[in-house]
Amino acid sequence: MSVYITKQGDMWDTIAYNLLGSTSRVGDLLSINADLAGTYVFPAGVELEVPEGPAYSTPNSLPPWKQVAG
């Protein structure tokens, strides 16, 4: 397990995407950091545990608001 220190404005989905390669990994982060599950937008300096495992990314792993329309 590794640790991530949040930056002001971090949110679960962006943390999951940036560190684990997909927003679908939010559940993994939440299960490990259950005490912070009620936090939606993080202040700076919060320590989160990050699960080990392969980061992955597919063309459709971006949330719809971040996908570029063709």
Protein backbone atom coordinates (compact mmCIF):
# COMPACT_ATOMS: atom_id res chain seq x y z
CA MET A 1 0.00 0.00 0.00
CA SER A 2 1.21 3.48 -0.75
CA VAL A 3 0.14 6.88 0.57
CA TYR A 4 -1.10 9.88 -1.40
CA ILE A 5 -1.21 13.37 0.13
CA THR A 6 -4.12 15.35 -1.28
CA LYS A 7 -3.94 18.73 -2.92
CA GLN A 8 -6.65 21.35 -2.40
CA GLY A 9 -9.63 20.47 -4.58
CA ASP A 10 -8.80 16.79 -5.17
CA MET A 11 -11.84 14.54 -5.57
CA TRP A 12 -12.17 10.75 -5.44
CA ASP A 13 -12.64 10.29 -9.17
CA THR A 14 -9.66 12.40 -10.18
CA ILE A 15 -7.44 10.70 -7.60
CA ALA A 16 -8.52 7.26 -8.85
CA TYR A 17 -7.94 8.25 -12.46
CA ASN A 18 -4.54 9.87 -11.86
CA LEU A 19 -3.13 7.20 -9.55
CA LEU A 20 -4.90 4.02 -10.62
CA GLY A 21 -5.71 4.73 -14.26
CA SER A 22 -9.50 4.66 -14.12
CA THR A 23 -12.39 6.34 -12.35
CA SER A 24 -13.85 2.86 -11.91
CA ARG A 25 -11.27 2.31 -9.15
CA VAL A 26 -12.95 4.83 -6.81
CA GLY A 27 -14.50 1.93 -4.90
CA ASP A 28 -11.04 0.54 -4.18
CA LEU A 29 -9.98 3.88 -2.69
CA LEU A 30 -13.18 4.25 -0.68
CA SER A 31 -12.97 0.77 0.82
CA ILE A 32 -9.47 1.43 2.12
CA ASN A 33 -10.25 4.97 3.31
CA ALA A 34 -13.79 4.37 4.59
CA ASP A 35 -13.42 6.96 7.35
CA LEU A 36 -13.17 9.66 4.65
CA ALA A 37 -16.03 8.41 2.46
CA GLY A 38 -18.15 11.47 3.31
CA THR A 39 -15.55 13.83 1.90
CA TYR A 40 -16.24 14.95 -1.66
CA VAL A 41 -13.66 17.69 -2.19
CA PHE A 42 -10.44 17.35 -0.24
CA PRO A 43 -8.40 20.05 1.43
CA ALA A 44 -4.64 19.90 1.06
CA GLY A 45 -2.67 17.52 3.25
CA VAL A 46 -5.05 14.59 3.80
CA GLU A 47 -3.26 11.23 3.74
CA LEU A 48 -5.02 8.56 1.70
CA GLU A 49 -3.98 4.94 1.42
CA VAL A 50 -3.75 3.81 -2.18
CA PRO A 51 -4.12 0.15 -3.13
CA GLU A 52 -1.34 -1.64 -4.94
CA GLY A 53 -2.09 -3.10 -8.28
CA PRO A 54 -1.71 -2.31 -11.91
CA ALA A 55 -2.86 1.02 -13.14
CA TYR A 56 -4.75 0.71 -16.34
CA SER A 57 -6.32 3.01 -18.85
CA THR A 58 -8.56 2.42 -21.78
CA PRO A 59 -9.83 5.00 -24.28
CA ASN A 60 -13.25 4.92 -22.61
CA SER A 61 -12.00 5.17 -19.04
CA LEU A 62 -12.36 8.95 -18.95
CA PRO A 63 -15.59 10.23 -17.45
CA PRO A 64 -17.95 11.68 -20.09
CA TRP A 65 -17.18 15.28 -19.19
CA LYS A 66 -13.48 14.73 -19.93
CA GLN A 67 -13.90 12.89 -23.24
CA VAL A 68 -13.22 14.82 -26.41
CA ALA A 69 -16.09 14.69 -28.86
CA GLY A 70 -14.97 13.54 -32.32
